[in-house]
Each structure stands twice: as C-alpha cells, then as structure tokens.
C-alpha cells in the first residue's frame, strides 16, 4: 500500500502538516508533532481505524484516496524476482537469495 495523505490534503487546500493537525484536533483527534510528521512525510507503520475515519472526515475523502494498493509489490511463494541487478555489478543478473531447506526464514542480515 502507498500512503497518500500529503497529496490528498493538498487536493483539499491543506498544504502544511500543522494545518491538518489543527483540523484533526478540532474533530477530537490529538496527534503529537512527531506522529504528525511521520504521517505527513512518510508511511505510517500503524494507524488506528478510528483515526483513519477522522482523517477521512476532515479531508472529505474516501479511504481509497489515502491508501493506494500496489499489487505489483506483492510477491508469491516460489515466485522469482526478475529484473533486479546485483549492487555495483552493472549487469541485469538476478540477485541470489539463499533459502533454507526446512522452509524456515533466514535470520536478518
């Protein structure tokens, strides 16, 4: 999913995170400056559904305006990634990813 808050807010004439933060507070959703910064400039790690409701009311939008699906980024088990080059190699050879034989994932690098 792609988080599209900033563009959705801009389409409603809200150009600053502080403006949106004030409007959200007027509707009962108090968001800290740090969390607002993350919502405005990044992709939230988690967000309550009730908070999404308030954001949609304030912006006069639908959930589909804020969350845009990206089905091409979803990988399926057993599907190989194509078109990725090894870093610095200059070739289009696919990256080799080691797999365990017992089906468990490898520890993080």
N, C-alpha and C. Protein backbone atom coordinates (compact mmCIF):
# COMPACT_ATOMS: atom_id res chain seq x y z
N UNK A 1 0.83 -1.18 0.00
CA UNK A 1 0.00 0.00 0.00
C UNK A 1 0.88 1.25 0.00
N UNK A 2 0.42 2.25 -0.71
CA UNK A 2 1.12 3.53 -0.71
C UNK A 2 0.27 4.53 0.07
N UNK A 3 0.89 5.23 0.98
CA UNK A 3 0.23 6.24 1.82
C UNK A 3 0.20 7.54 1.05
N UNK A 4 -0.98 8.12 0.88
CA UNK A 4 -1.18 9.26 0.01
C UNK A 4 -1.78 10.47 0.74
N UNK A 5 -1.43 10.66 2.00
CA UNK A 5 -2.02 11.72 2.81
C UNK A 5 -1.68 13.11 2.27
N UNK A 6 -0.44 13.33 1.94
CA UNK A 6 0.00 14.67 1.56
C UNK A 6 -0.71 15.17 0.30
N UNK A 7 -0.81 14.31 -0.71
CA UNK A 7 -1.47 14.71 -1.95
C UNK A 7 -2.98 14.88 -1.72
N UNK A 8 -3.57 14.01 -0.94
CA UNK A 8 -5.00 14.13 -0.65
C UNK A 8 -5.28 15.43 0.09
N UNK A 9 -4.44 15.78 1.05
CA UNK A 9 -4.60 17.04 1.79
C UNK A 9 -4.43 18.23 0.85
N UNK A 10 -3.43 18.16 -0.03
CA UNK A 10 -3.18 19.27 -0.97
C UNK A 10 -4.38 19.47 -1.89
N UNK A 11 -5.01 18.38 -2.30
CA UNK A 11 -6.21 18.49 -3.15
C UNK A 11 -7.36 19.18 -2.42
N UNK A 12 -7.32 19.19 -1.09
CA UNK A 12 -8.36 19.85 -0.29
C UNK A 12 -7.90 21.22 0.20
N UNK A 13 -6.73 21.69 -0.28
CA UNK A 13 -6.24 23.01 0.07
C UNK A 13 -5.46 23.07 1.37
N UNK A 14 -5.05 21.93 1.90
CA UNK A 14 -4.23 21.89 3.12
C UNK A 14 -2.80 21.61 2.70
N UNK A 15 -1.91 22.59 2.93
CA UNK A 15 -0.54 22.49 2.44
C UNK A 15 0.49 22.25 3.54
N UNK A 16 0.08 22.37 4.81
CA UNK A 16 1.02 22.19 5.90
C UNK A 16 0.49 21.15 6.88
N UNK A 17 1.43 20.38 7.45
CA UNK A 17 1.05 19.37 8.42
C UNK A 17 0.38 20.01 9.64
N UNK A 18 0.84 21.20 10.01
CA UNK A 18 0.26 21.87 11.18
C UNK A 18 -1.20 22.25 10.95
N UNK A 19 -1.55 22.60 9.71
CA UNK A 19 -2.95 22.91 9.39
C UNK A 19 -3.83 21.67 9.58
N UNK A 20 -3.36 20.54 9.07
CA UNK A 20 -4.11 19.30 9.20
C UNK A 20 -4.18 18.88 10.66
N UNK A 21 -3.08 19.04 11.38
CA UNK A 21 -3.05 18.69 12.80
C UNK A 21 -4.10 19.48 13.58
N UNK A 22 -4.23 20.78 13.29
CA UNK A 22 -5.24 21.60 13.96
C UNK A 22 -6.65 21.14 13.62
N UNK A 23 -6.89 20.85 12.35
CA UNK A 23 -8.22 20.38 11.93
C UNK A 23 -8.57 19.04 12.57
N UNK A 24 -7.59 18.16 12.66
CA UNK A 24 -7.84 16.87 13.31
C UNK A 24 -8.16 17.07 14.78
N UNK A 25 -7.45 17.97 15.45
CA UNK A 25 -7.70 18.25 16.87
C UNK A 25 -9.11 18.81 17.08
N UNK A 26 -9.57 19.63 16.14
CA UNK A 26 -10.93 20.17 16.23
C UNK A 26 -11.99 19.07 16.13
N UNK A 27 -11.62 17.95 15.54
CA UNK A 27 -12.54 16.82 15.41
C UNK A 27 -12.24 15.73 16.45
N UNK A 28 -11.45 16.07 17.46
CA UNK A 28 -11.21 15.16 18.58
C UNK A 28 -10.03 14.23 18.43
N UNK A 29 -9.20 14.40 17.41
CA UNK A 29 -8.03 13.55 17.23
C UNK A 29 -6.77 14.37 17.49
N UNK A 30 -6.22 14.20 18.69
CA UNK A 30 -4.99 14.91 19.06
C UNK A 30 -3.79 14.05 18.65
N UNK A 31 -2.97 14.58 17.77
CA UNK A 31 -1.79 13.86 17.27
C UNK A 31 -0.55 14.66 17.65
N UNK A 32 0.44 13.97 18.19
CA UNK A 32 1.69 14.65 18.57
C UNK A 32 2.40 15.15 17.31
N UNK A 33 3.29 16.10 17.51
CA UNK A 33 4.04 16.66 16.38
C UNK A 33 4.88 15.58 15.69
N UNK A 34 5.46 14.69 16.47
CA UNK A 34 6.28 13.61 15.90
C UNK A 34 5.46 12.65 15.05
N UNK A 35 4.31 12.24 15.57
CA UNK A 35 3.46 11.33 14.81
C UNK A 35 2.91 12.03 13.57
N UNK A 36 2.56 13.31 13.71
CA UNK A 36 2.04 14.06 12.56
C UNK A 36 3.10 14.16 11.48
N UNK A 37 4.34 14.38 11.87
CA UNK A 37 5.43 14.45 10.92
C UNK A 37 5.57 13.13 10.16
N UNK A 38 5.45 12.01 10.88
CA UNK A 38 5.52 10.70 10.23
C UNK A 38 4.37 10.46 9.28
N UNK A 39 3.17 10.87 9.67
CA UNK A 39 2.00 10.71 8.80
C UNK A 39 2.14 11.57 7.55
N UNK A 40 2.66 12.78 7.73
CA UNK A 40 2.74 13.75 6.64
C UNK A 40 3.83 13.40 5.64
N UNK A 41 4.99 13.01 6.14
CA UNK A 41 6.13 12.86 5.24
C UNK A 41 6.54 11.42 4.98
N UNK A 42 5.91 10.49 5.63
CA UNK A 42 6.34 9.11 5.43
C UNK A 42 5.19 8.15 5.27
N UNK A 43 5.47 6.92 5.57
CA UNK A 43 4.48 5.84 5.51
C UNK A 43 4.27 5.36 6.94
N UNK A 44 3.07 5.51 7.48
CA UNK A 44 2.86 5.11 8.87
C UNK A 44 3.03 3.60 9.05
N UNK A 45 3.64 3.24 10.17
CA UNK A 45 3.81 1.83 10.49
C UNK A 45 2.48 1.24 10.95
N UNK A 46 1.77 2.01 11.76
CA UNK A 46 0.45 1.58 12.21
C UNK A 46 -0.43 2.81 12.38
N UNK A 47 -1.73 2.59 12.21
CA UNK A 47 -2.69 3.67 12.32
C UNK A 47 -4.02 3.04 12.71
N UNK A 48 -4.67 3.61 13.71
CA UNK A 48 -5.95 3.08 14.16
C UNK A 48 -7.03 3.38 13.14
N UNK A 49 -7.96 2.45 13.00
CA UNK A 49 -9.06 2.65 12.06
C UNK A 49 -9.90 3.86 12.44
N UNK A 50 -10.08 4.09 13.74
CA UNK A 50 -10.82 5.27 14.18
C UNK A 50 -10.12 6.56 13.74
N UNK A 51 -8.78 6.55 13.79
CA UNK A 51 -8.02 7.72 13.35
C UNK A 51 -8.19 7.93 11.84
N UNK A 52 -8.22 6.83 11.08
CA UNK A 52 -8.45 6.95 9.64
C UNK A 52 -9.82 7.55 9.35
N UNK A 53 -10.81 7.17 10.16
CA UNK A 53 -12.15 7.75 10.00
C UNK A 53 -12.11 9.27 10.15
N UNK A 54 -11.42 9.74 11.19
CA UNK A 54 -11.34 11.19 11.45
C UNK A 54 -10.60 11.87 10.31
N UNK A 55 -9.50 11.29 9.87
CA UNK A 55 -8.73 11.88 8.76
C UNK A 55 -9.61 12.00 7.52
N UNK A 56 -10.39 10.96 7.22
CA UNK A 56 -11.28 10.99 6.05
C UNK A 56 -12.36 12.05 6.20
N UNK A 57 -12.90 12.22 7.41
CA UNK A 57 -13.92 13.24 7.63
C UNK A 57 -13.32 14.63 7.43
N UNK A 58 -12.16 14.87 8.03
CA UNK A 58 -11.53 16.19 7.94
C UNK A 58 -11.17 16.53 6.49
N UNK A 59 -10.68 15.54 5.74
CA UNK A 59 -10.27 15.80 4.36
C UNK A 59 -11.42 15.62 3.36
N UNK A 60 -12.54 15.11 3.83
CA UNK A 60 -13.67 14.88 2.93
C UNK A 60 -13.32 13.90 1.83
N UNK A 61 -12.64 12.81 2.22
CA UNK A 61 -12.18 11.84 1.24
C UNK A 61 -12.60 10.43 1.61
N UNK A 62 -12.32 9.50 0.75
CA UNK A 62 -12.55 8.08 0.99
C UNK A 62 -11.23 7.43 1.37
N UNK A 63 -11.31 6.25 1.97
CA UNK A 63 -10.11 5.53 2.38
C UNK A 63 -9.22 5.22 1.17
N UNK A 64 -9.83 5.01 0.01
CA UNK A 64 -9.08 4.73 -1.20
C UNK A 64 -8.26 5.92 -1.70
N UNK A 65 -8.57 7.11 -1.20
CA UNK A 65 -7.76 8.29 -1.54
C UNK A 65 -6.48 8.31 -0.71
N UNK A 66 -6.53 7.73 0.49
CA UNK A 66 -5.37 7.72 1.38
C UNK A 66 -4.48 6.50 1.20
N UNK A 67 -5.09 5.36 0.94
CA UNK A 67 -4.35 4.11 0.80
C UNK A 67 -4.51 3.60 -0.63
N UNK A 68 -3.43 3.59 -1.38
CA UNK A 68 -3.48 3.16 -2.76
C UNK A 68 -2.80 1.79 -2.87
N UNK A 69 -3.54 0.78 -3.33
CA UNK A 69 -2.95 -0.56 -3.42
C UNK A 69 -1.84 -0.61 -4.47
N UNK A 70 -0.83 -1.43 -4.18
CA UNK A 70 0.27 -1.66 -5.10
C UNK A 70 0.46 -3.17 -5.26
N UNK A 71 -0.43 -3.84 -5.99
CA UNK A 71 -0.37 -5.29 -6.09
C UNK A 71 0.90 -5.81 -6.74
N UNK A 72 1.58 -5.00 -7.54
CA UNK A 72 2.82 -5.45 -8.18
C UNK A 72 3.94 -5.68 -7.17
N UNK A 73 3.82 -5.11 -5.99
CA UNK A 73 4.86 -5.27 -4.97
C UNK A 73 4.67 -6.52 -4.12
N UNK A 74 3.57 -7.22 -4.31
CA UNK A 74 3.30 -8.42 -3.53
C UNK A 74 3.96 -9.62 -4.22
N UNK A 75 4.81 -10.32 -3.49
CA UNK A 75 5.45 -11.50 -4.06
C UNK A 75 4.71 -12.74 -3.59
N UNK A 76 4.74 -13.74 -4.43
CA UNK A 76 4.09 -15.00 -4.11
C UNK A 76 5.15 -16.03 -3.79
N UNK A 77 4.86 -16.97 -2.88
CA UNK A 77 5.84 -18.02 -2.57
C UNK A 77 6.25 -18.78 -3.83
N UNK A 78 7.55 -18.96 -4.00
CA UNK A 78 8.07 -19.69 -5.14
C UNK A 78 8.26 -18.84 -6.38
N UNK A 79 7.77 -17.59 -6.35
CA UNK A 79 7.91 -16.70 -7.50
C UNK A 79 9.26 -16.02 -7.42
N UNK A 80 10.02 -16.09 -8.50
CA UNK A 80 11.34 -15.45 -8.51
C UNK A 80 11.21 -13.99 -8.88
N UNK A 81 12.06 -13.16 -8.29
CA UNK A 81 12.09 -11.75 -8.66
C UNK A 81 12.90 -11.62 -9.93
N UNK A 82 12.42 -10.78 -10.84
CA UNK A 82 13.14 -10.58 -12.09
C UNK A 82 13.51 -9.11 -12.24
N UNK A 83 14.55 -8.89 -13.01
CA UNK A 83 14.93 -7.52 -13.33
C UNK A 83 15.72 -6.80 -12.25
N UNK A 84 16.17 -7.51 -11.21
CA UNK A 84 16.96 -6.86 -10.18
C UNK A 84 18.43 -7.18 -10.40
N UNK A 85 19.26 -6.17 -10.42
CA UNK A 85 20.68 -6.35 -10.65
C UNK A 85 21.43 -6.37 -9.32
N UNK A 86 22.55 -7.09 -9.31
CA UNK A 86 23.41 -7.08 -8.13
C UNK A 86 23.99 -5.69 -7.96
N UNK A 87 24.19 -5.25 -6.74
CA UNK A 87 24.66 -3.90 -6.48
C UNK A 87 26.06 -3.73 -7.05
N UNK A 88 26.24 -2.71 -7.89
CA UNK A 88 27.55 -2.37 -8.43
C UNK A 88 28.03 -3.27 -9.53
N UNK A 89 27.25 -4.23 -9.98
CA UNK A 89 27.74 -5.17 -10.98
C UNK A 89 27.59 -4.65 -12.40
N UNK A 90 26.58 -3.80 -12.64
CA UNK A 90 26.37 -3.28 -13.97
C UNK A 90 25.68 -4.28 -14.89
N UNK A 91 25.31 -5.43 -14.37
CA UNK A 91 24.61 -6.43 -15.18
C UNK A 91 23.18 -6.56 -14.68
N UNK A 92 22.38 -7.29 -15.43
CA UNK A 92 20.99 -7.49 -15.02
C UNK A 92 20.76 -8.88 -14.46
N UNK A 93 21.82 -9.51 -13.95
CA UNK A 93 21.67 -10.84 -13.37
C UNK A 93 20.83 -10.76 -12.10
N UNK A 94 19.93 -11.72 -11.90
CA UNK A 94 19.09 -11.69 -10.70
C UNK A 94 19.92 -11.91 -9.44
N UNK A 95 19.49 -11.32 -8.34
CA UNK A 95 20.16 -11.47 -7.07
C UNK A 95 19.88 -12.85 -6.51
N UNK A 96 20.92 -13.52 -6.03
CA UNK A 96 20.75 -14.85 -5.46
C UNK A 96 20.40 -14.69 -3.98
N UNK A 97 19.29 -15.30 -3.59
CA UNK A 97 18.85 -15.25 -2.20
C UNK A 97 18.89 -16.66 -1.64
N UNK A 98 19.76 -16.94 -0.64
CA UNK A 98 19.83 -18.29 -0.09
C UNK A 98 18.52 -18.66 0.62
N UNK A 99 18.16 -19.93 0.51
CA UNK A 99 16.95 -20.41 1.16
C UNK A 99 17.29 -21.64 1.99
N UNK A 100 16.62 -21.76 3.10
CA UNK A 100 16.80 -22.94 3.94
C UNK A 100 15.97 -24.08 3.37
N UNK A 101 16.44 -25.28 3.57
CA UNK A 101 15.74 -26.45 3.04
C UNK A 101 14.52 -26.81 3.89
N UNK A 102 14.51 -26.39 5.15
CA UNK A 102 13.40 -26.77 6.03
C UNK A 102 12.23 -25.77 5.97
N UNK A 103 12.31 -24.75 5.08
CA UNK A 103 11.21 -23.82 4.89
C UNK A 103 11.22 -22.63 5.83
N UNK A 104 12.09 -22.64 6.84
CA UNK A 104 12.14 -21.51 7.77
C UNK A 104 12.91 -20.35 7.14
N UNK A 105 12.62 -19.17 7.60
CA UNK A 105 13.31 -17.99 7.06
C UNK A 105 14.69 -17.85 7.67
N UNK A 106 15.56 -17.16 6.95
CA UNK A 106 16.90 -16.90 7.44
C UNK A 106 16.87 -15.74 8.42
N UNK A 107 17.83 -15.67 9.34
CA UNK A 107 17.88 -14.53 10.25
C UNK A 107 18.20 -13.26 9.48
N UNK A 108 17.82 -12.10 10.04
CA UNK A 108 18.11 -10.85 9.34
C UNK A 108 19.60 -10.62 9.19
N UNK A 109 19.98 -9.96 8.11
CA UNK A 109 21.40 -9.71 7.83
C UNK A 109 21.93 -8.59 8.68
